[in-house]
Amino acid sequence: MGSQLNTSIPTRLPAAKNATADKLLVAASELMIERSSIEVSLSDIAQKSGVNAALVKYHFGNKDGLLLALLARDAATEVANLEYLLAQPIAPTAKLKLHIGGIIRAYHQFPYMNRLIHYLLHESTPEAADEVSKFFVAPLLDFHRRLLAEGTKAGEFRDIDPVLFYTSLIGACDHLFFGRHAMSRATGVGPVTDEVCRQYIRHMEALICGGMLKKSE
């Protein structure tokens, strides 16, 4: 079992509920935010957390296993928020606006999230890509299906394809945070500040709702 952990990403995500594993995840998250990069070494994570680097392999298998667990930790909070939002006794349009703001704020709070998703989906292993699809892509797409169906049934939304909606919203968030570096070179735009985040939320609300809502008779 020990030798396997050193060479592959676990097929089951580690339940990082003990203090040592949590320290490693917090340290990795903080370093990625500080450096605006997911390129952090195990020695850097160990030094910041005060934990021996060898314990990364014990808890997570290897660095990719730690990255997967970090993304799973952050995604779990967002998925729980989706279920809470869907259960609220408010109009589908209000839920849609809250969701747009929530997704953009989540990307802003965890600026490494989109880079981790790209890396684990496209540059790691098939097992890692499968896990990301299970705990991030599938729940989010399912939420979109249910919210769109609710809005259509209530007569508030046009008939919208959930996959196209997912692609539009997540793609827009992804480009703001992942493509910001290329944009800064071309246009001179600065970093994604709190004010930029607020402006983008208002812009996306107007853009998406303007195209989705049924016109009042």
C-alpha atoms as a PDB file:
ATOM      1  CA  MET A   1       0.000   0.000   0.000  1.00  0.00           C
ATOM      2  CA  GLY A   2       2.795   2.434   0.876  1.00  0.00           C
ATOM      3  CA  SER A   3       4.591   1.933  -2.439  1.00  0.00           C
ATOM      4  CA  GLN A   4       1.379   2.463  -4.392  1.00  0.00           C
ATOM      5  CA  LEU A   5       0.739   5.728  -2.607  1.00  0.00           C
ATOM      6  CA  ASN A   6       4.063   7.066  -3.789  1.00  0.00           C
ATOM      7  CA  THR A   7       3.312   6.533  -7.453  1.00  0.00           C
ATOM      8  CA  SER A   8      -0.370   7.178  -8.075  1.00  0.00           C
ATOM      9  CA  ILE A   9      -3.301   9.315  -7.069  1.00  0.00           C
ATOM     10  CA  PRO A  10      -5.694   7.452  -4.748  1.00  0.00           C
ATOM     11  CA  THR A  11      -8.943   6.414  -6.405  1.00  0.00           C
ATOM     12  CA  ARG A  12     -10.751   7.454  -3.226  1.00  0.00           C
ATOM     13  CA  LEU A  13     -10.186  10.926  -1.874  1.00  0.00           C
ATOM     14  CA  PRO A  14      -8.582  10.977   1.582  1.00  0.00           C
ATOM     15  CA  ALA A  15     -10.863  12.163   4.336  1.00  0.00           C
ATOM     16  CA  ALA A  16      -8.608  14.965   5.510  1.00  0.00           C
ATOM     17  CA  LYS A  17     -10.238  15.340   8.924  1.00  0.00           C
ATOM     18  CA  ASN A  18      -7.206  15.064  11.162  1.00  0.00           C
ATOM     19  CA  ALA A  19      -5.140  18.047  12.258  1.00  0.00           C
ATOM     20  CA  THR A  20      -2.028  17.122  10.279  1.00  0.00           C
ATOM     21  CA  ALA A  21      -3.821  16.692   6.950  1.00  0.00           C
ATOM     22  CA  ASP A  22      -5.765  19.900   7.531  1.00  0.00           C
ATOM     23  CA  LYS A  23      -2.552  21.816   8.224  1.00  0.00           C
ATOM     24  CA  LEU A  24      -1.083  20.613   4.949  1.00  0.00           C
ATOM     25  CA  LEU A  25      -4.171  21.661   2.983  1.00  0.00           C
ATOM     26  CA  VAL A  26      -4.311  25.076   4.643  1.00  0.00           C
ATOM     27  CA  ALA A  27      -0.609  25.639   3.975  1.00  0.00           C
ATOM     28  CA  ALA A  28      -0.943  24.624   0.310  1.00  0.00           C
ATOM     29  CA  SER A  29      -3.958  26.923  -0.121  1.00  0.00           C
ATOM     30  CA  GLU A  30      -2.228  29.899   1.492  1.00  0.00           C
ATOM     31  CA  LEU A  31       0.952  29.445  -0.546  1.00  0.00           C
ATOM     32  CA  MET A  32      -0.972  29.245  -3.818  1.00  0.00           C
ATOM     33  CA  ILE A  33      -2.864  32.432  -2.982  1.00  0.00           C
ATOM     34  CA  GLU A  34       0.323  34.245  -1.922  1.00  0.00           C
ATOM     35  CA  ARG A  35       2.189  33.218  -5.073  1.00  0.00           C
ATOM     36  CA  SER A  36      -0.732  33.287  -7.528  1.00  0.00           C
ATOM     37  CA  SER A  37       0.425  29.871  -8.706  1.00  0.00           C
ATOM     38  CA  ILE A  38      -0.177  26.183  -8.063  1.00  0.00           C
ATOM     39  CA  GLU A  39       3.552  25.561  -8.513  1.00  0.00           C
ATOM     40  CA  VAL A  40       4.456  25.048  -4.865  1.00  0.00           C
ATOM     41  CA  SER A  41       6.843  22.363  -3.665  1.00  0.00           C
ATOM     42  CA  LEU A  42       6.211  19.788  -0.962  1.00  0.00           C
ATOM     43  CA  SER A  43       9.097  21.232   1.022  1.00  0.00           C
ATOM     44  CA  ASP A  44       7.480  24.689   0.893  1.00  0.00           C
ATOM     45  CA  ILE A  45       4.142  23.247   2.014  1.00  0.00           C
ATOM     46  CA  ALA A  46       5.836  21.292   4.805  1.00  0.00           C
ATOM     47  CA  GLN A  47       7.778  24.331   5.998  1.00  0.00           C
ATOM     48  CA  LYS A  48       4.693  26.572   6.075  1.00  0.00           C
ATOM     49  CA  SER A  49       2.578  23.939   7.819  1.00  0.00           C
ATOM     50  CA  GLY A  50       5.268  22.841  10.264  1.00  0.00           C
ATOM     51  CA  VAL A  51       4.656  19.243   9.173  1.00  0.00           C
ATOM     52  CA  ASN A  52       7.216  16.755   7.871  1.00  0.00           C
ATOM     53  CA  ALA A  53       7.051  16.500   4.069  1.00  0.00           C
ATOM     54  CA  ALA A  54       6.966  12.700   4.326  1.00  0.00           C
ATOM     55  CA  LEU A  55       3.494  12.963   5.863  1.00  0.00           C
ATOM     56  CA  VAL A  56       2.135  14.272   2.563  1.00  0.00           C
ATOM     57  CA  LYS A  57       2.662  10.784   1.146  1.00  0.00           C
ATOM     58  CA  TYR A  58       1.107   9.219   4.235  1.00  0.00           C
ATOM     59  CA  HIS A  59      -2.068  11.301   4.033  1.00  0.00           C
ATOM     60  CA  PHE A  60      -2.427  12.029   0.315  1.00  0.00           C
ATOM     61  CA  GLY A  61      -0.181   9.649  -1.625  1.00  0.00           C
ATOM     62  CA  ASN A  62       1.780  12.363  -3.415  1.00  0.00           C
ATOM     63  CA  LYS A  63       1.568  16.036  -4.356  1.00  0.00           C
ATOM     64  CA  ASP A  64      -1.199  15.457  -6.928  1.00  0.00           C
ATOM     65  CA  GLY A  65      -3.175  13.630  -4.270  1.00  0.00           C
ATOM     66  CA  LEU A  66      -2.846  16.659  -2.010  1.00  0.00           C
ATOM     67  CA  LEU A  67      -3.953  18.988  -4.819  1.00  0.00           C
ATOM     68  CA  LEU A  68      -6.952  16.771  -5.486  1.00  0.00           C
ATOM     69  CA  ALA A  69      -7.899  16.778  -1.801  1.00  0.00           C
ATOM     70  CA  LEU A  70      -7.552  20.559  -1.664  1.00  0.00           C
ATOM     71  CA  LEU A  71      -9.883  21.032  -4.617  1.00  0.00           C
ATOM     72  CA  ALA A  72     -12.320  18.525  -3.120  1.00  0.00           C
ATOM     73  CA  ARG A  73     -12.295  20.438   0.176  1.00  0.00           C
ATOM     74  CA  ASP A  74     -13.077  23.748  -1.517  1.00  0.00           C
ATOM     75  CA  ALA A  75     -15.652  22.209  -3.870  1.00  0.00           C
ATOM     76  CA  ALA A  76     -17.492  20.521  -0.984  1.00  0.00           C
ATOM     77  CA  THR A  77     -18.332  23.898   0.541  1.00  0.00           C
ATOM     78  CA  GLU A  78     -19.637  25.212  -2.766  1.00  0.00           C
ATOM     79  CA  VAL A  79     -21.742  22.107  -3.458  1.00  0.00           C
ATOM     80  CA  ALA A  80     -23.336  22.393   0.000  1.00  0.00           C
ATOM     81  CA  ASN A  81     -24.174  26.028  -0.790  1.00  0.00           C
ATOM     82  CA  LEU A  82     -25.873  24.927  -4.031  1.00  0.00           C
ATOM     83  CA  GLU A  83     -28.209  22.568  -2.216  1.00  0.00           C
ATOM     84  CA  TYR A  84     -29.011  25.240   0.361  1.00  0.00           C
ATOM     85  CA  LEU A  85     -29.764  27.786  -2.363  1.00  0.00           C
ATOM     86  CA  LEU A  86     -32.010  25.442  -4.315  1.00  0.00           C
ATOM     87  CA  ALA A  87     -34.089  24.774  -1.189  1.00  0.00           C
ATOM     88  CA  GLN A  88     -34.764  28.453  -0.488  1.00  0.00           C
ATOM     89  CA  PRO A  89     -38.375  29.696  -0.897  1.00  0.00           C
ATOM     90  CA  ILE A  90     -37.459  32.420  -3.384  1.00  0.00           C
ATOM     91  CA  ALA A  91     -38.034  32.895  -7.102  1.00  0.00           C
ATOM     92  CA  PRO A  92     -35.791  31.014  -9.578  1.00  0.00           C
ATOM     93  CA  THR A  93     -34.518  34.333 -10.980  1.00  0.00           C
ATOM     94  CA  ALA A  94     -33.356  35.382  -7.507  1.00  0.00           C
ATOM     95  CA  LYS A  95     -31.639  32.012  -7.098  1.00  0.00           C
ATOM     96  CA  LEU A  96     -29.971  32.449 -10.481  1.00  0.00           C
ATOM     97  CA  LYS A  97     -28.550  35.863  -9.518  1.00  0.00           C
ATOM     98  CA  LEU A  98     -27.322  34.554  -6.169  1.00  0.00           C
ATOM     99  CA  HIS A  99     -25.695  31.610  -7.930  1.00  0.00           C
ATOM    100  CA  ILE A 100     -23.896  33.819 -10.443  1.00  0.00           C
ATOM    101  CA  GLY A 101     -22.518  35.947  -7.618  1.00  0.00           C
ATOM    102  CA  GLY A 102     -21.628  32.903  -5.528  1.00  0.00           C
ATOM    103  CA  ILE A 103     -19.657  31.219  -8.304  1.00  0.00           C
ATOM    104  CA  ILE A 104     -17.666  34.352  -9.115  1.00  0.00           C
ATOM    105  CA  ARG A 105     -16.939  34.991  -5.430  1.00  0.00           C
ATOM    106  CA  ALA A 106     -15.791  31.384  -4.987  1.00  0.00           C
ATOM    107  CA  TYR A 107     -13.303  31.760  -7.834  1.00  0.00           C
ATOM    108  CA  HIS A 108     -12.170  35.041  -6.277  1.00  0.00           C
ATOM    109  CA  GLN A 109     -11.821  33.516  -2.799  1.00  0.00           C
ATOM    110  CA  PHE A 110      -9.866  30.533  -4.140  1.00  0.00           C
ATOM    111  CA  PRO A 111      -7.955  32.052  -7.100  1.00  0.00           C
ATOM    112  CA  TYR A 112      -6.041  28.814  -7.588  1.00  0.00           C
ATOM    113  CA  MET A 113      -9.258  26.807  -8.096  1.00  0.00           C
ATOM    114  CA  ASN A 114      -9.499  27.178 -11.855  1.00  0.00           C
ATOM    115  CA  ARG A 115      -5.822  26.325 -12.318  1.00  0.00           C
ATOM    116  CA  LEU A 116      -6.216  23.225 -10.170  1.00  0.00           C
ATOM    117  CA  ILE A 117      -9.236  22.166 -12.215  1.00  0.00           C
ATOM    118  CA  HIS A 118      -7.316  22.614 -15.466  1.00  0.00           C
ATOM    119  CA  TYR A 119      -4.306  20.761 -14.130  1.00  0.00           C
ATOM    120  CA  LEU A 120      -6.192  17.831 -12.606  1.00  0.00           C
ATOM    121  CA  LEU A 121      -8.520  17.435 -15.595  1.00  0.00           C
ATOM    122  CA  HIS A 122      -5.899  17.712 -18.326  1.00  0.00           C
ATOM    123  CA  GLU A 123      -2.376  17.265 -16.950  1.00  0.00           C
ATOM    124  CA  SER A 124      -2.600  14.746 -14.138  1.00  0.00           C
ATOM    125  CA  THR A 125      -4.015  11.197 -14.355  1.00  0.00           C
ATOM    126  CA  PRO A 126      -7.304   9.774 -15.667  1.00  0.00           C
ATOM    127  CA  GLU A 127      -8.190   8.865 -12.078  1.00  0.00           C
ATOM    128  CA  ALA A 128      -7.747  12.476 -10.981  1.00  0.00           C
ATOM    129  CA  ALA A 129      -9.858  13.725 -13.887  1.00  0.00           C
ATOM    130  CA  ASP A 130     -12.611  11.255 -12.962  1.00  0.00           C
ATOM    131  CA  GLU A 131     -12.610  12.462  -9.353  1.00  0.00           C
ATOM    132  CA  VAL A 132     -12.830  16.131 -10.369  1.00  0.00           C
ATOM    133  CA  SER A 133     -15.742  15.284 -12.658  1.00  0.00           C
ATOM    134  CA  LYS A 134     -17.509  13.491  -9.788  1.00  0.00           C
ATOM    135  CA  PHE A 135     -17.140  16.073  -7.031  1.00  0.00           C
ATOM    136  CA  PHE A 136     -17.122  19.320  -9.040  1.00  0.00           C
ATOM    137  CA  VAL A 137     -18.443  19.104 -12.596  1.00  0.00           C
ATOM    138  CA  ALA A 138     -21.308  16.624 -12.071  1.00  0.00           C
ATOM    139  CA  PRO A 139     -22.867  18.292  -8.973  1.00  0.00           C
ATOM    140  CA  LEU A 140     -22.667  21.732 -10.548  1.00  0.00           C
ATOM    141  CA  LEU A 141     -24.209  20.554 -13.809  1.00  0.00           C
ATOM    142  CA  ASP A 142     -26.957  18.753 -11.877  1.00  0.00           C
ATOM    143  CA  PHE A 143     -27.713  21.945  -9.956  1.00  0.00           C
ATOM    144  CA  HIS A 144     -27.963  23.861 -13.215  1.00  0.00           C
ATOM    145  CA  ARG A 145     -30.381  21.284 -14.636  1.00  0.00           C
ATOM    146  CA  ARG A 146     -32.647  21.551 -11.604  1.00  0.00           C
ATOM    147  CA  LEU A 147     -32.514  25.349 -11.353  1.00  0.00           C
ATOM    148  CA  LEU A 148     -33.229  25.803 -15.058  1.00  0.00           C
ATOM    149  CA  ALA A 149     -36.119  23.336 -14.886  1.00  0.00           C
ATOM    150  CA  GLU A 150     -37.544  25.192 -11.905  1.00  0.00           C
ATOM    151  CA  GLY A 151     -37.259  28.527 -13.696  1.00  0.00           C
ATOM    152  CA  THR A 152     -38.821  27.182 -16.878  1.00  0.00           C
ATOM    153  CA  LYS A 153     -41.704  25.616 -14.957  1.00  0.00           C
ATOM    154  CA  ALA A 154     -42.304  28.911 -13.144  1.00  0.00           C
ATOM    155  CA  GLY A 155     -42.465  30.692 -16.495  1.00  0.00           C
ATOM    156  CA  GLU A 156     -39.424  32.853 -15.708  1.00  0.00           C
ATOM    157  CA  PHE A 157     -36.773  31.283 -17.980  1.00  0.00           C
ATOM    158  CA  ARG A 158     -36.655  30.424 -21.628  1.00  0.00           C
ATOM    159  CA  ASP A 159     -35.866  26.781 -22.386  1.00  0.00           C
ATOM    160  CA  ILE A 160     -32.086  26.711 -21.819  1.00  0.00           C
ATOM    161  CA  ASP A 161     -29.757  23.759 -22.383  1.00  0.00           C
ATOM    162  CA  PRO A 162     -28.024  23.045 -19.022  1.00  0.00           C
ATOM    163  CA  VAL A 163     -24.716  22.075 -20.639  1.00  0.00           C
ATOM    164  CA  LEU A 164     -24.620  25.294 -22.652  1.00  0.00           C
ATOM    165  CA  PHE A 165     -25.522  27.285 -19.539  1.00  0.00           C
ATOM    166  CA  TYR A 166     -22.755  25.559 -17.537  1.00  0.00           C
ATOM    167  CA  THR A 167     -20.292  26.261 -20.329  1.00  0.00           C
ATOM    168  CA  SER A 168     -21.297  29.918 -20.502  1.00  0.00           C
ATOM    169  CA  LEU A 169     -21.156  30.673 -16.773  1.00  0.00           C
ATOM    170  CA  ILE A 170     -18.141  28.573 -15.787  1.00  0.00           C
ATOM    171  CA  GLY A 171     -16.319  29.527 -18.967  1.00  0.00           C
ATOM    172  CA  ALA A 172     -16.855  33.212 -18.212  1.00  0.00           C
ATOM    173  CA  CYS A 173     -15.532  32.788 -14.674  1.00  0.00           C
ATOM    174  CA  ASP A 174     -12.654  30.678 -15.886  1.00  0.00           C
ATOM    175  CA  HIS A 175     -11.510  33.226 -18.419  1.00  0.00           C
ATOM    176  CA  LEU A 176     -11.633  36.119 -15.960  1.00  0.00           C
ATOM    177  CA  PHE A 177      -9.353  34.326 -13.515  1.00  0.00           C
ATOM    178  CA  PHE A 178      -7.364  31.948 -15.729  1.00  0.00           C
ATOM    179  CA  GLY A 179      -7.057  34.177 -18.779  1.00  0.00           C
ATOM    180  CA  ARG A 180      -6.385  37.354 -16.808  1.00  0.00           C
ATOM    181  CA  HIS A 181      -2.635  37.126 -17.423  1.00  0.00           C
ATOM    182  CA  ALA A 182      -3.049  37.072 -21.208  1.00  0.00           C
ATOM    183  CA  MET A 183      -5.569  39.924 -20.985  1.00  0.00           C
ATOM    184  CA  SER A 184      -3.187  42.008 -18.887  1.00  0.00           C
ATOM    185  CA  ARG A 185      -0.508  41.716 -21.546  1.00  0.00           C
ATOM    186  CA  ALA A 186      -2.907  42.678 -24.333  1.00  0.00           C
ATOM    187  CA  THR A 187      -4.950  45.392 -22.614  1.00  0.00           C
ATOM    188  CA  GLY A 188      -3.037  46.387 -19.513  1.00  0.00           C
ATOM    189  CA  VAL A 189      -5.851  45.363 -17.148  1.00  0.00           C
ATOM    190  CA  GLY A 190      -4.840  44.820 -13.558  1.00  0.00           C
ATOM    191  CA  PRO A 191      -5.498  42.003 -11.078  1.00  0.00           C
ATOM    192  CA  VAL A 192      -8.953  40.794 -10.044  1.00  0.00           C
ATOM    193  CA  THR A 193      -9.662  43.041  -7.067  1.00  0.00           C
ATOM    194  CA  ASP A 194     -12.796  43.033  -4.905  1.00  0.00           C
ATOM    195  CA  GLU A 195     -14.169  45.890  -7.014  1.00  0.00           C
ATOM    196  CA  VAL A 196     -13.458  44.036 -10.274  1.00  0.00           C
ATOM    197  CA  CYS A 197     -15.250  41.031  -8.792  1.00  0.00           C
ATOM    198  CA  ARG A 198     -18.314  43.138  -7.945  1.00  0.00           C
ATOM    199  CA  GLN A 199     -18.338  44.715 -11.413  1.00  0.00           C
ATOM    200  CA  TYR A 200     -18.099  41.292 -13.038  1.00  0.00           C
ATOM    201  CA  ILE A 201     -20.993  39.954 -10.963  1.00  0.00           C
ATOM    202  CA  ARG A 202     -23.197  42.854 -12.094  1.00  0.00           C
ATOM    203  CA  HIS A 203     -22.058  42.377 -15.698  1.00  0.00           C
ATOM    204  CA  MET A 204     -22.746  38.630 -15.702  1.00  0.00           C
ATOM    205  CA  GLU A 205     -26.136  39.066 -14.019  1.00  0.00           C
ATOM    206  CA  ALA A 206     -27.178  41.515 -16.733  1.00  0.00           C
ATOM    207  CA  LEU A 207     -25.688  39.427 -19.535  1.00  0.00           C
ATOM    208  CA  ILE A 208     -27.098  36.042 -18.465  1.00  0.00           C
ATOM    209  CA  CYS A 209     -30.461  37.220 -17.188  1.00  0.00           C
ATOM    210  CA  GLY A 210     -30.900  39.432 -20.237  1.00  0.00           C
ATOM    211  CA  GLY A 211     -30.614  36.391 -22.439  1.00  0.00           C
ATOM    212  CA  MET A 212     -32.511  33.894 -20.272  1.00  0.00           C
ATOM    213  CA  LEU A 213     -35.522  35.612 -18.779  1.00  0.00           C
ATOM    214  CA  LYS A 214     -38.845  35.497 -20.580  1.00  0.00           C
ATOM    215  CA  LYS A 215     -40.151  38.866 -21.613  1.00  0.00           C
ATOM    216  CA  SER A 216     -43.155  39.967 -19.609  1.00  0.00           C
ATOM    217  CA  GLU A 217     -46.296  40.112 -21.689  1.00  0.00           C
END
